[in-house]
PDB file of N, CA and C in Angstrom:
ATOM      1  N   UNK A   1     -86.830 -23.194 177.839  1.00  0.00           N
ATOM      2  CA  UNK A   1     -85.809 -23.430 177.214  1.00  0.00           C
ATOM      3  C   UNK A   1     -84.702 -23.453 178.397  1.00  0.00           C
ATOM      4  N   UNK A   2     -83.262 -23.937 178.255  1.00  0.00           N
ATOM      5  CA  UNK A   2     -81.951 -24.488 179.267  1.00  0.00           C
ATOM      6  C   UNK A   2     -81.670 -22.957 178.953  1.00  0.00           C
ATOM      7  N   UNK A   3     -80.816 -22.886 179.873  1.00  0.00           N
ATOM      8  CA  UNK A   3     -80.177 -21.316 180.020  1.00  0.00           C
ATOM      9  C   UNK A   3     -78.839 -22.204 180.219  1.00  0.00           C
ATOM     10  N   UNK A   4     -77.879 -21.684 179.045  1.00  0.00           N
ATOM     11  CA  UNK A   4     -76.356 -22.213 179.169  1.00  0.00           C
ATOM     12  C   UNK A   4     -75.357 -20.994 178.755  1.00  0.00           C
ATOM     13  N   UNK A   5     -74.652 -21.041 180.278  1.00  0.00           N
ATOM     14  CA  UNK A   5     -73.502 -20.051 179.936  1.00  0.00           C
ATOM     15  C   UNK A   5     -72.639 -20.483 179.587  1.00  0.00           C
ATOM     16  N   UNK A   6     -71.970 -19.767 179.288  1.00  0.00           N
ATOM     17  CA  UNK A   6     -70.700 -19.999 178.896  1.00  0.00           C
ATOM     18  C   UNK A   6     -69.672 -19.948 179.710  1.00  0.00           C
ATOM     19  N   UNK A   7     -68.742 -20.574 180.419  1.00  0.00           N
ATOM     20  CA  UNK A   7     -67.314 -20.079 181.190  1.00  0.00           C
ATOM     21  C   UNK A   7     -66.439 -20.108 180.958  1.00  0.00           C
ATOM     22  N   UNK A   8     -65.559 -19.470 180.379  1.00  0.00           N
ATOM     23  CA  UNK A   8     -64.395 -19.360 179.913  1.00  0.00           C
ATOM     24  C   UNK A   8     -62.981 -19.849 180.714  1.00  0.00           C
ATOM     25  N   UNK A   9     -63.406 -19.824 181.878  1.00  0.00           N
ATOM     26  CA  UNK A   9     -62.616 -20.642 182.830  1.00  0.00           C
ATOM     27  C   UNK A   9     -62.375 -22.225 182.769  1.00  0.00           C
ATOM     28  N   UNK A  10     -63.840 -22.693 182.411  1.00  0.00           N
ATOM     29  CA  UNK A  10     -63.906 -24.003 182.395  1.00  0.00           C
ATOM     30  C   UNK A  10     -63.729 -24.691 180.601  1.00  0.00           C
ATOM     31  N   UNK A  11     -63.652 -23.766 179.995  1.00  0.00           N
ATOM     32  CA  UNK A  11     -63.093 -24.283 178.688  1.00  0.00           C
ATOM     33  C   UNK A  11     -61.453 -24.192 178.658  1.00  0.00           C
ATOM     34  N   UNK A  12     -60.966 -23.031 179.296  1.00  0.00           N
ATOM     35  CA  UNK A  12     -59.539 -23.267 179.356  1.00  0.00           C
ATOM     36  C   UNK A  12     -59.225 -24.232 180.284  1.00  0.00           C
ATOM     37  N   UNK A  13     -60.133 -25.209 181.464  1.00  0.00           N
ATOM     38  CA  UNK A  13     -59.656 -26.153 182.028  1.00  0.00           C
ATOM     39  C   UNK A  13     -59.980 -27.493 181.112  1.00  0.00           C
ATOM     40  N   UNK A  14     -60.825 -27.172 180.380  1.00  0.00           N
ATOM     41  CA  UNK A  14     -60.852 -28.319 179.512  1.00  0.00           C
ATOM     42  C   UNK A  14     -59.661 -28.658 178.118  1.00  0.00           C
ATOM     43  N   UNK A  15     -59.403 -27.383 177.794  1.00  0.00           N
ATOM     44  CA  UNK A  15     -58.454 -27.756 176.939  1.00  0.00           C
ATOM     45  C   UNK A  15     -57.441 -27.992 177.514  1.00  0.00           C
ATOM     46  N   UNK A  16     -56.865 -27.738 178.966  1.00  0.00           N
ATOM     47  CA  UNK A  16     -55.932 -28.387 179.419  1.00  0.00           C
ATOM     48  C   UNK A  16     -55.752 -29.690 179.426  1.00  0.00           C
ATOM     49  N   UNK A  17     -57.351 -29.833 179.952  1.00  0.00           N
ATOM     50  CA  UNK A  17     -57.278 -31.582 180.361  1.00  0.00           C
ATOM     51  C   UNK A  17     -57.002 -32.373 179.140  1.00  0.00           C
ATOM     52  N   UNK A  18     -57.585 -31.944 178.162  1.00  0.00           N
ATOM     53  CA  UNK A  18     -57.711 -32.662 176.672  1.00  0.00           C
ATOM     54  C   UNK A  18     -56.287 -32.631 176.460  1.00  0.00           C
ATOM     55  N   UNK A  19     -55.373 -31.762 176.712  1.00  0.00           N
ATOM     56  CA  UNK A  19     -53.820 -31.963 176.318  1.00  0.00           C
ATOM     57  C   UNK A  19     -53.306 -32.736 177.219  1.00  0.00           C
ATOM     58  N   UNK A  20     -53.686 -32.949 178.714  1.00  0.00           N
ATOM     59  CA  UNK A  20     -52.817 -33.667 179.589  1.00  0.00           C
ATOM     60  C   UNK A  20     -53.340 -35.424 179.231  1.00  0.00           C
ATOM     61  N   UNK A  21     -54.723 -35.431 178.549  1.00  0.00           N
ATOM     62  CA  UNK A  21     -55.219 -36.771 178.510  1.00  0.00           C
ATOM     63  C   UNK A  21     -54.316 -36.885 177.297  1.00  0.00           C
ATOM     64  N   UNK A  22     -54.109 -36.440 175.922  1.00  0.00           N
ATOM     65  CA  UNK A  22     -53.454 -36.665 174.656  1.00  0.00           C
ATOM     66  C   UNK A  22     -51.888 -37.078 175.217  1.00  0.00           C
ATOM     67  N   UNK A  23     -51.439 -36.407 176.278  1.00  0.00           N
ATOM     68  CA  UNK A  23     -50.021 -36.613 176.453  1.00  0.00           C
ATOM     69  C   UNK A  23     -50.055 -38.366 177.312  1.00  0.00           C
ATOM     70  N   UNK A  24     -50.895 -37.906 178.169  1.00  0.00           N
ATOM     71  CA  UNK A  24     -51.150 -39.674 178.608  1.00  0.00           C
ATOM     72  C   UNK A  24     -51.109 -40.870 177.697  1.00  0.00           C
ATOM     73  N   UNK A  25     -52.117 -40.647 176.792  1.00  0.00           N
ATOM     74  CA  UNK A  25     -52.315 -41.881 175.661  1.00  0.00           C
ATOM     75  C   UNK A  25     -51.130 -41.914 174.999  1.00  0.00           C
ATOM     76  N   UNK A  26     -50.363 -40.847 174.699  1.00  0.00           N
ATOM     77  CA  UNK A  26     -49.191 -40.802 173.639  1.00  0.00           C
ATOM     78  C   UNK A  26     -47.894 -41.664 174.708  1.00  0.00           C
ATOM     79  N   UNK A  27     -47.890 -41.491 176.114  1.00  0.00           N
ATOM     80  CA  UNK A  27     -46.908 -42.124 177.093  1.00  0.00           C
ATOM     81  C   UNK A  27     -46.761 -43.635 176.309  1.00  0.00           C
ATOM     82  N   UNK A  28     -47.240 -44.668 176.441  1.00  0.00           N
ATOM     83  CA  UNK A  28     -46.764 -45.987 175.608  1.00  0.00           C
ATOM     84  C   UNK A  28     -45.967 -45.805 173.967  1.00  0.00           C
ATOM     85  N   UNK A  29     -46.456 -44.944 173.358  1.00  0.00           N
ATOM     86  CA  UNK A  29     -45.998 -44.948 172.275  1.00  0.00           C
ATOM     87  C   UNK A  29     -44.505 -44.390 172.141  1.00  0.00           C
ATOM     88  N   UNK A  30     -44.463 -43.422 173.383  1.00  0.00           N
ATOM     89  CA  UNK A  30     -43.255 -43.048 173.477  1.00  0.00           C
ATOM     90  C   UNK A  30     -42.086 -43.870 174.120  1.00  0.00           C
ATOM     91  N   UNK A  31     -42.644 -44.747 175.103  1.00  0.00           N
ATOM     92  CA  UNK A  31     -41.639 -45.682 175.477  1.00  0.00           C
ATOM     93  C   UNK A  31     -41.635 -46.712 174.275  1.00  0.00           C
ATOM     94  N   UNK A  32     -42.838 -47.110 173.775  1.00  0.00           N
ATOM     95  CA  UNK A  32     -42.295 -48.202 172.362  1.00  0.00           C
ATOM     96  C   UNK A  32     -41.037 -47.648 171.221  1.00  0.00           C
ATOM     97  N   UNK A  33     -41.217 -46.019 171.126  1.00  0.00           N
ATOM     98  CA  UNK A  33     -39.986 -45.533 170.196  1.00  0.00           C
ATOM     99  C   UNK A  33     -38.642 -45.605 170.526  1.00  0.00           C
ATOM    100  N   UNK A  34     -38.523 -45.424 172.201  1.00  0.00           N
ATOM    101  CA  UNK A  34     -37.398 -45.267 172.983  1.00  0.00           C
ATOM    102  C   UNK A  34     -36.789 -46.949 172.849  1.00  0.00           C
ATOM    103  N   UNK A  35     -37.397 -47.849 172.801  1.00  0.00           N
ATOM    104  CA  UNK A  35     -37.168 -49.230 173.138  1.00  0.00           C
ATOM    105  C   UNK A  35     -36.510 -49.824 172.010  1.00  0.00           C
ATOM    106  N   UNK A  36     -36.841 -49.154 170.748  1.00  0.00           N
ATOM    107  CA  UNK A  36     -36.402 -49.843 169.734  1.00  0.00           C
ATOM    108  C   UNK A  36     -37.675 -51.083 169.326  1.00  0.00           C
ATOM    109  N   UNK A  37     -36.762 -51.758 168.344  1.00  0.00           N
ATOM    110  CA  UNK A  37     -37.380 -53.130 167.881  1.00  0.00           C
ATOM    111  C   UNK A  37     -38.164 -53.989 168.856  1.00  0.00           C
ATOM    112  N   UNK A  38     -37.436 -54.275 169.735  1.00  0.00           N
ATOM    113  CA  UNK A  38     -37.933 -55.303 170.965  1.00  0.00           C
ATOM    114  C   UNK A  38     -39.419 -54.486 171.382  1.00  0.00           C
ATOM    115  N   UNK A  39     -39.609 -53.068 171.311  1.00  0.00           N
ATOM    116  CA  UNK A  39     -41.076 -52.806 172.007  1.00  0.00           C
ATOM    117  C   UNK A  39     -41.852 -52.586 170.906  1.00  0.00           C
ATOM    118  N   UNK A  40     -41.709 -52.774 169.789  1.00  0.00           N
ATOM    119  CA  UNK A  40     -42.491 -52.309 168.534  1.00  0.00           C
ATOM    120  C   UNK A  40     -42.403 -51.491 167.311  1.00  0.00           C
ATOM    121  N   UNK A  41     -41.210 -50.641 168.286  1.00  0.00           N
ATOM    122  CA  UNK A  41     -40.987 -49.359 167.585  1.00  0.00           C
ATOM    123  C   UNK A  41     -40.953 -49.166 165.916  1.00  0.00           C
ATOM    124  N   UNK A  42     -40.613 -50.358 165.440  1.00  0.00           N
ATOM    125  CA  UNK A  42     -40.673 -50.411 164.005  1.00  0.00           C
ATOM    126  C   UNK A  42     -41.851 -50.481 163.617  1.00  0.00           C
ATOM    127  N   UNK A  43     -42.930 -51.287 164.050  1.00  0.00           N
ATOM    128  CA  UNK A  43     -44.308 -51.049 163.773  1.00  0.00           C
ATOM    129  C   UNK A  43     -45.301 -49.709 163.988  1.00  0.00           C
ATOM    130  N   UNK A  44     -45.034 -49.310 165.096  1.00  0.00           N
ATOM    131  CA  UNK A  44     -45.660 -47.939 165.534  1.00  0.00           C
ATOM    132  C   UNK A  44     -44.874 -47.013 164.430  1.00  0.00           C
ATOM    133  N   UNK A  45     -43.409 -46.458 164.450  1.00  0.00           N
ATOM    134  CA  UNK A  45     -43.015 -45.823 163.274  1.00  0.00           C
ATOM    135  C   UNK A  45     -43.603 -46.025 161.495  1.00  0.00           C
ATOM    136  N   UNK A  46     -43.819 -47.326 161.340  1.00  0.00           N
ATOM    137  CA  UNK A  46     -44.492 -47.824 159.941  1.00  0.00           C
ATOM    138  C   UNK A  46     -45.703 -47.320 160.026  1.00  0.00           C
ATOM    139  N   UNK A  47     -46.567 -47.719 160.873  1.00  0.00           N
ATOM    140  CA  UNK A  47     -48.430 -46.772 160.982  1.00  0.00           C
ATOM    141  C   UNK A  47     -48.054 -45.613 160.801  1.00  0.00           C
ATOM    142  N   UNK A  48     -47.390 -44.698 161.416  1.00  0.00           N
ATOM    143  CA  UNK A  48     -47.316 -43.095 161.335  1.00  0.00           C
ATOM    144  C   UNK A  48     -46.796 -42.817 159.994  1.00  0.00           C
ATOM    145  N   UNK A  49     -45.617 -43.514 159.388  1.00  0.00           N
ATOM    146  CA  UNK A  49     -45.554 -43.002 158.110  1.00  0.00           C
ATOM    147  C   UNK A  49     -46.552 -43.067 157.562  1.00  0.00           C
ATOM    148  N   UNK A  50     -47.727 -44.193 157.461  1.00  0.00           N
ATOM    149  CA  UNK A  50     -48.485 -44.319 156.682  1.00  0.00           C
ATOM    150  C   UNK A  50     -49.851 -43.553 156.639  1.00  0.00           C
ATOM    151  N   UNK A  51     -49.633 -42.882 158.109  1.00  0.00           N
ATOM    152  CA  UNK A  51     -50.813 -41.832 158.383  1.00  0.00           C
ATOM    153  C   UNK A  51     -50.423 -40.391 157.766  1.00  0.00           C
ATOM    154  N   UNK A  52     -49.011 -40.227 157.670  1.00  0.00           N
ATOM    155  CA  UNK A  52     -48.573 -38.865 157.210  1.00  0.00           C
ATOM    156  C   UNK A  52     -48.619 -38.918 155.620  1.00  0.00           C
ATOM    157  N   UNK A  53     -48.214 -40.124 155.180  1.00  0.00           N
ATOM    158  CA  UNK A  53     -48.620 -40.141 153.729  1.00  0.00           C
ATOM    159  C   UNK A  53     -49.959 -39.970 153.092  1.00  0.00           C
ATOM    160  N   UNK A  54     -51.064 -40.536 154.276  1.00  0.00           N
ATOM    161  CA  UNK A  54     -52.236 -40.663 153.585  1.00  0.00           C
ATOM    162  C   UNK A  54     -52.604 -38.807 153.971  1.00  0.00           C
ATOM    163  N   UNK A  55     -52.434 -38.260 154.775  1.00  0.00           N
ATOM    164  CA  UNK A  55     -52.336 -36.737 155.308  1.00  0.00           C
ATOM    165  C   UNK A  55     -51.763 -36.017 154.024  1.00  0.00           C
ATOM    166  N   UNK A  56     -50.504 -36.265 153.638  1.00  0.00           N
ATOM    167  CA  UNK A  56     -50.154 -35.748 152.471  1.00  0.00           C
ATOM    168  C   UNK A  56     -50.947 -35.991 150.982  1.00  0.00           C
ATOM    169  N   UNK A  57     -51.636 -37.271 150.840  1.00  0.00           N
ATOM    170  CA  UNK A  57     -51.965 -37.622 149.582  1.00  0.00           C
ATOM    171  C   UNK A  57     -53.276 -36.889 149.154  1.00  0.00           C
ATOM    172  N   UNK A  58     -54.050 -36.830 150.480  1.00  0.00           N
ATOM    173  CA  UNK A  58     -55.516 -36.376 150.670  1.00  0.00           C
ATOM    174  C   UNK A  58     -55.566 -35.012 151.087  1.00  0.00           C
ATOM    175  N   UNK A  59     -54.511 -34.429 151.578  1.00  0.00           N
ATOM    176  CA  UNK A  59     -54.450 -32.815 151.992  1.00  0.00           C
ATOM    177  C   UNK A  59     -55.327 -32.644 153.120  1.00  0.00           C
ATOM    178  N   UNK A  60     -55.019 -33.364 153.852  1.00  0.00           N
ATOM    179  CA  UNK A  60     -55.901 -33.924 155.157  1.00  0.00           C
ATOM    180  C   UNK A  60     -55.522 -33.502 156.580  1.00  0.00           C
ATOM    181  N   UNK A  61     -54.378 -32.278 156.277  1.00  0.00           N
ATOM    182  CA  UNK A  61     -53.513 -31.668 157.580  1.00  0.00           C
ATOM    183  C   UNK A  61     -52.585 -30.878 156.870  1.00  0.00           C
ATOM    184  N   UNK A  62     -52.574 -29.724 157.886  1.00  0.00           N
ATOM    185  CA  UNK A  62     -51.683 -28.724 157.625  1.00  0.00           C
ATOM    186  C   UNK A  62     -50.346 -29.340 157.052  1.00  0.00           C
ATOM    187  N   UNK A  63     -49.646 -28.567 156.230  1.00  0.00           N
ATOM    188  CA  UNK A  63     -48.087 -29.008 155.696  1.00  0.00           C
ATOM    189  C   UNK A  63     -47.210 -28.847 156.753  1.00  0.00           C
ATOM    190  N   UNK A  64     -47.737 -27.859 157.478  1.00  0.00           N
ATOM    191  CA  UNK A  64     -46.805 -27.596 158.484  1.00  0.00           C
ATOM    192  C   UNK A  64     -46.729 -28.796 159.483  1.00  0.00           C
ATOM    193  N   UNK A  65     -47.652 -29.439 159.584  1.00  0.00           N
ATOM    194  CA  UNK A  65     -47.708 -30.782 160.648  1.00  0.00           C
ATOM    195  C   UNK A  65     -47.252 -31.769 159.925  1.00  0.00           C
ATOM    196  N   UNK A  66     -47.364 -32.013 158.811  1.00  0.00           N
ATOM    197  CA  UNK A  66     -46.995 -33.073 157.875  1.00  0.00           C
ATOM    198  C   UNK A  66     -45.340 -32.787 157.820  1.00  0.00           C
ATOM    199  N   UNK A  67     -44.966 -31.683 157.669  1.00  0.00           N
ATOM    200  CA  UNK A  67     -43.095 -31.577 157.391  1.00  0.00           C
ATOM    201  C   UNK A  67     -42.597 -31.911 159.127  1.00  0.00           C
ATOM    202  N   UNK A  68     -43.724 -31.230 160.068  1.00  0.00           N
ATOM    203  CA  UNK A  68     -42.836 -31.442 161.318  1.00  0.00           C
ATOM    204  C   UNK A  68     -42.871 -33.068 161.747  1.00  0.00           C
ATOM    205  N   UNK A  69     -43.830 -33.730 161.222  1.00  0.00           N
ATOM    206  CA  UNK A  69     -43.992 -35.406 161.756  1.00  0.00           C
ATOM    207  C   UNK A  69     -42.614 -36.128 160.902  1.00  0.00           C
ATOM    208  N   UNK A  70     -42.888 -35.638 159.311  1.00  0.00           N
ATOM    209  CA  UNK A  70     -41.609 -36.287 158.457  1.00  0.00           C
ATOM    210  C   UNK A  70     -40.566 -36.265 159.210  1.00  0.00           C
ATOM    211  N   UNK A  71     -39.836 -35.183 159.663  1.00  0.00           N
ATOM    212  CA  UNK A  71     -38.752 -34.990 160.482  1.00  0.00           C
ATOM    213  C   UNK A  71     -38.725 -35.569 161.424  1.00  0.00           C
ATOM    214  N   UNK A  72     -39.748 -35.478 162.548  1.00  0.00           N
ATOM    215  CA  UNK A  72     -39.295 -36.111 163.646  1.00  0.00           C
ATOM    216  C   UNK A  72     -39.315 -38.016 163.608  1.00  0.00           C
ATOM    217  N   UNK A  73     -40.378 -38.205 162.371  1.00  0.00           N
ATOM    218  CA  UNK A  73     -40.340 -40.145 162.358  1.00  0.00           C
ATOM    219  C   UNK A  73     -38.628 -40.526 161.914  1.00  0.00           C
ATOM    220  N   UNK A  74     -38.119 -39.473 161.248  1.00  0.00           N
ATOM    221  CA  UNK A  74     -36.650 -39.784 161.302  1.00  0.00           C
ATOM    222  C   UNK A  74     -36.011 -39.850 162.472  1.00  0.00           C
ATOM    223  N   UNK A  75     -36.365 -39.384 163.297  1.00  0.00           N
ATOM    224  CA  UNK A  75     -35.507 -39.417 164.821  1.00  0.00           C
ATOM    225  C   UNK A  75     -36.484 -40.395 165.643  1.00  0.00           C
ATOM    226  N   UNK A  76     -36.856 -41.148 165.894  1.00  0.00           N
ATOM    227  CA  UNK A  76     -37.653 -41.460 166.681  1.00  0.00           C
ATOM    228  C   UNK A  76     -37.430 -41.081 168.740  1.00  0.00           C
ATOM    229  N   UNK A  77     -36.146 -40.775 168.555  1.00  0.00           N
ATOM    230  CA  UNK A  77     -35.938 -40.236 170.241  1.00  0.00           C
ATOM    231  C   UNK A  77     -36.482 -39.045 170.136  1.00  0.00           C
ATOM    232  N   UNK A  78     -36.393 -38.210 169.538  1.00  0.00           N
ATOM    233  CA  UNK A  78     -36.923 -37.012 169.470  1.00  0.00           C
ATOM    234  C   UNK A  78     -38.718 -36.883 168.963  1.00  0.00           C
ATOM    235  N   UNK A  79     -39.022 -37.700 168.553  1.00  0.00           N
ATOM    236  CA  UNK A  79     -40.352 -38.161 168.701  1.00  0.00           C
ATOM    237  C   UNK A  79     -40.537 -38.483 169.739  1.00  0.00           C
ATOM    238  N   UNK A  80     -39.972 -39.272 170.589  1.00  0.00           N
ATOM    239  CA  UNK A  80     -40.836 -39.768 171.741  1.00  0.00           C
ATOM    240  C   UNK A  80     -40.637 -38.454 172.635  1.00  0.00           C
ATOM    241  N   UNK A  81     -39.613 -37.437 172.845  1.00  0.00           N
ATOM    242  CA  UNK A  81     -39.326 -36.754 173.744  1.00  0.00           C
ATOM    243  C   UNK A  81     -40.568 -35.576 173.293  1.00  0.00           C
ATOM    244  N   UNK A  82     -41.014 -35.989 171.879  1.00  0.00           N
ATOM    245  CA  UNK A  82     -42.005 -34.402 171.775  1.00  0.00           C
ATOM    246  C   UNK A  82     -43.482 -35.136 172.226  1.00  0.00           C
ATOM    247  N   UNK A  83     -43.452 -36.508 172.274  1.00  0.00           N
ATOM    248  CA  UNK A  83     -44.467 -36.797 173.076  1.00  0.00           C
ATOM    249  C   UNK A  83     -44.842 -36.897 174.058  1.00  0.00           C
ATOM    250  N   UNK A  84     -43.995 -36.575 175.118  1.00  0.00           N
ATOM    251  CA  UNK A  84     -43.709 -35.984 176.347  1.00  0.00           C
ATOM    252  C   UNK A  84     -43.687 -35.082 177.067  1.00  0.00           C
ATOM    253  N   UNK A  85     -43.505 -34.247 176.038  1.00  0.00           N
ATOM    254  CA  UNK A  85     -43.257 -32.718 176.367  1.00  0.00           C
ATOM    255  C   UNK A  85     -44.579 -31.794 176.752  1.00  0.00           C
ATOM    256  N   UNK A  86     -44.631 -30.880 177.622  1.00  0.00           N
ATOM    257  CA  UNK A  86     -45.530 -30.010 177.719  1.00  0.00           C
ATOM    258  C   UNK A  86     -45.403 -28.694 177.302  1.00  0.00           C
ATOM    259  N   UNK A  87     -44.849 -28.497 176.265  1.00  0.00           N
ATOM    260  CA  UNK A  87     -45.069 -26.921 175.398  1.00  0.00           C
ATOM    261  C   UNK A  87     -46.333 -26.983 174.389  1.00  0.00           C
ATOM    262  N   UNK A  88     -46.531 -25.994 173.794  1.00  0.00           N
ATOM    263  CA  UNK A  88     -47.401 -25.380 173.040  1.00  0.00           C
ATOM    264  C   UNK A  88     -47.076 -26.322 171.697  1.00  0.00           C
ATOM    265  N   UNK A  89     -45.831 -26.288 171.576  1.00  0.00           N
ATOM    266  CA  UNK A  89     -45.977 -26.913 170.122  1.00  0.00           C
ATOM    267  C   UNK A  89     -46.116 -28.503 170.251  1.00  0.00           C
ATOM    268  N   UNK A  90     -45.460 -29.029 171.378  1.00  0.00           N
ATOM    269  CA  UNK A  90     -45.292 -30.457 171.596  1.00  0.00           C
ATOM    270  C   UNK A  90     -47.339 -31.004 172.007  1.00  0.00           C
ATOM    271  N   UNK A  91     -47.855 -30.069 172.492  1.00  0.00           N
ATOM    272  CA  UNK A  91     -49.443 -29.941 172.419  1.00  0.00           C
ATOM    273  C   UNK A  91     -49.989 -30.052 170.837  1.00  0.00           C
ATOM    274  N   UNK A  92     -49.839 -29.109 170.406  1.00  0.00           N
ATOM    275  CA  UNK A  92     -50.179 -28.987 168.960  1.00  0.00           C
ATOM    276  C   UNK A  92     -49.890 -30.166 168.016  1.00  0.00           C
ATOM    277  N   UNK A  93     -48.404 -30.390 168.027  1.00  0.00           N
ATOM    278  CA  UNK A  93     -48.330 -31.759 167.564  1.00  0.00           C
ATOM    279  C   UNK A  93     -48.869 -33.142 167.575  1.00  0.00           C
ATOM    280  N   UNK A  94     -49.241 -33.445 169.484  1.00  0.00           N
ATOM    281  CA  UNK A  94     -49.984 -34.155 169.604  1.00  0.00           C
ATOM    282  C   UNK A  94     -51.606 -34.325 169.326  1.00  0.00           C
ATOM    283  N   UNK A  95     -52.102 -33.324 169.007  1.00  0.00           N
ATOM    284  CA  UNK A  95     -53.478 -32.791 168.481  1.00  0.00           C
ATOM    285  C   UNK A  95     -53.726 -33.542 166.987  1.00  0.00           C
ATOM    286  N   UNK A  96     -52.245 -33.140 166.426  1.00  0.00           N
ATOM    287  CA  UNK A  96     -51.936 -33.487 164.790  1.00  0.00           C
ATOM    288  C   UNK A  96     -51.345 -35.059 165.016  1.00  0.00           C
ATOM    289  N   UNK A  97     -51.721 -35.686 165.990  1.00  0.00           N
ATOM    290  CA  UNK A  97     -50.392 -37.159 165.919  1.00  0.00           C
ATOM    291  C   UNK A  97     -50.881 -38.114 164.712  1.00  0.00           C
ATOM    292  N   UNK A  98     -49.590 -38.561 164.286  1.00  0.00           N
ATOM    293  CA  UNK A  98     -49.587 -39.795 163.235  1.00  0.00           C
ATOM    294  C   UNK A  98     -49.676 -41.013 163.972  1.00  0.00           C
ATOM    295  N   UNK A  99     -49.894 -41.117 165.231  1.00  0.00           N
ATOM    296  CA  UNK A  99     -49.736 -42.036 166.018  1.00  0.00           C
ATOM    297  C   UNK A  99     -51.276 -42.643 166.725  1.00  0.00           C
ATOM    298  N   UNK A 100     -52.070 -42.508 165.998  1.00  0.00           N
ATOM    299  CA  UNK A 100     -53.554 -42.664 166.349  1.00  0.00           C
ATOM    300  C   UNK A 100     -53.619 -44.333 166.408  1.00  0.00           C
ATOM    301  N   UNK A 101     -53.452 -44.938 165.745  1.00  0.00           N
ATOM    302  CA  UNK A 101     -53.724 -46.271 165.407  1.00  0.00           C
ATOM    303  C   UNK A 101     -52.707 -46.936 166.644  1.00  0.00           C
ATOM    304  N   UNK A 102     -51.766 -46.413 166.903  1.00  0.00           N
ATOM    305  CA  UNK A 102     -50.643 -47.226 167.876  1.00  0.00           C
ATOM    306  C   UNK A 102     -51.188 -46.761 169.239  1.00  0.00           C
ATOM    307  N   UNK A 103     -51.589 -45.685 169.854  1.00  0.00           N
ATOM    308  CA  UNK A 103     -52.386 -44.736 170.716  1.00  0.00           C
ATOM    309  C   UNK A 103     -53.564 -46.460 170.834  1.00  0.00           C
ATOM    310  N   UNK A 104     -54.446 -46.539 169.983  1.00  0.00           N
ATOM    311  CA  UNK A 104     -55.430 -47.393 170.120  1.00  0.00           C
ATOM    312  C   UNK A 104     -55.306 -48.490 170.620  1.00  0.00           C
ATOM    313  N   UNK A 105     -54.313 -49.134 169.758  1.00  0.00           N
ATOM    314  CA  UNK A 105     -53.335 -50.370 170.111  1.00  0.00           C
ATOM    315  C   UNK A 105     -52.932 -50.668 171.570  1.00  0.00           C
ATOM    316  N   UNK A 106     -52.005 -49.315 171.789  1.00  0.00           N
ATOM    317  CA  UNK A 106     -51.562 -49.591 173.245  1.00  0.00           C
ATOM    318  C   UNK A 106     -53.006 -49.602 174.226  1.00  0.00           C
ATOM    319  N   UNK A 107     -53.928 -48.693 174.174  1.00  0.00           N
ATOM    320  CA  UNK A 107     -55.083 -48.762 174.730  1.00  0.00           C
ATOM    321  C   UNK A 107     -55.845 -50.017 174.925  1.00  0.00           C
ATOM    322  N   UNK A 108     -56.023 -50.651 173.778  1.00  0.00           N
ATOM    323  CA  UNK A 108     -56.571 -51.854 173.888  1.00  0.00           C
ATOM    324  C   UNK A 108     -56.191 -52.770 174.815  1.00  0.00           C
ATOM    325  N   UNK A 109     -54.862 -53.016 174.827  1.00  0.00           N
ATOM    326  CA  UNK A 109     -53.979 -53.347 175.418  1.00  0.00           C
ATOM    327  C   UNK A 109     -53.669 -53.357 176.708  1.00  0.00           C
ATOM    328  N   UNK A 110     -53.910 -52.761 177.186  1.00  0.00           N
ATOM    329  CA  UNK A 110     -54.135 -51.612 178.573  1.00  0.00           C
ATOM    330  C   UNK A 110     -55.560 -52.194 179.085  1.00  0.00           C
ATOM    331  N   UNK A 111     -56.628 -52.237 178.469  1.00  0.00           N
ATOM    332  CA  UNK A 111     -57.846 -52.043 179.268  1.00  0.00           C
ATOM    333  C   UNK A 111     -58.111 -54.018 178.918  1.00  0.00           C
ATOM    334  N   UNK A 112     -57.258 -54.624 178.363  1.00  0.00           N
ATOM    335  CA  UNK A 112     -57.252 -56.027 178.295  1.00  0.00           C
ATOM    336  C   UNK A 112     -56.547 -56.587 179.656  1.00  0.00           C
ATOM    337  N   UNK A 113     -55.579 -55.963 180.441  1.00  0.00           N
ATOM    338  CA  UNK A 113     -54.826 -56.347 181.339  1.00  0.00           C
ATOM    339  C   UNK A 113     -55.238 -55.950 182.277  1.00  0.00           C
TER     340      UNK A 113
END
């Protein structure tokens, strides 16, 4: 039988790494939101609104996150700022991000180049 030891320091680093990866993955979304229609912000926002509506209809996410994202989506520049911020609130909002479809789309485009 394998001996697995839990190292709390590794878990903390792992959470920090995950948060950093999420931040990096959301950077192209933030850039799109700042660039307006020319960068596809309208599509990014439409997909995010659909995701938040799905969460709400299916009770798939905490109402706190639903309310926070509904408010942020009304202000794309604030949403962009939160996507790149390194605060605990921003990390939590990225963990429950309505931009997953856009993140995947931008990753696919980046992988193709």
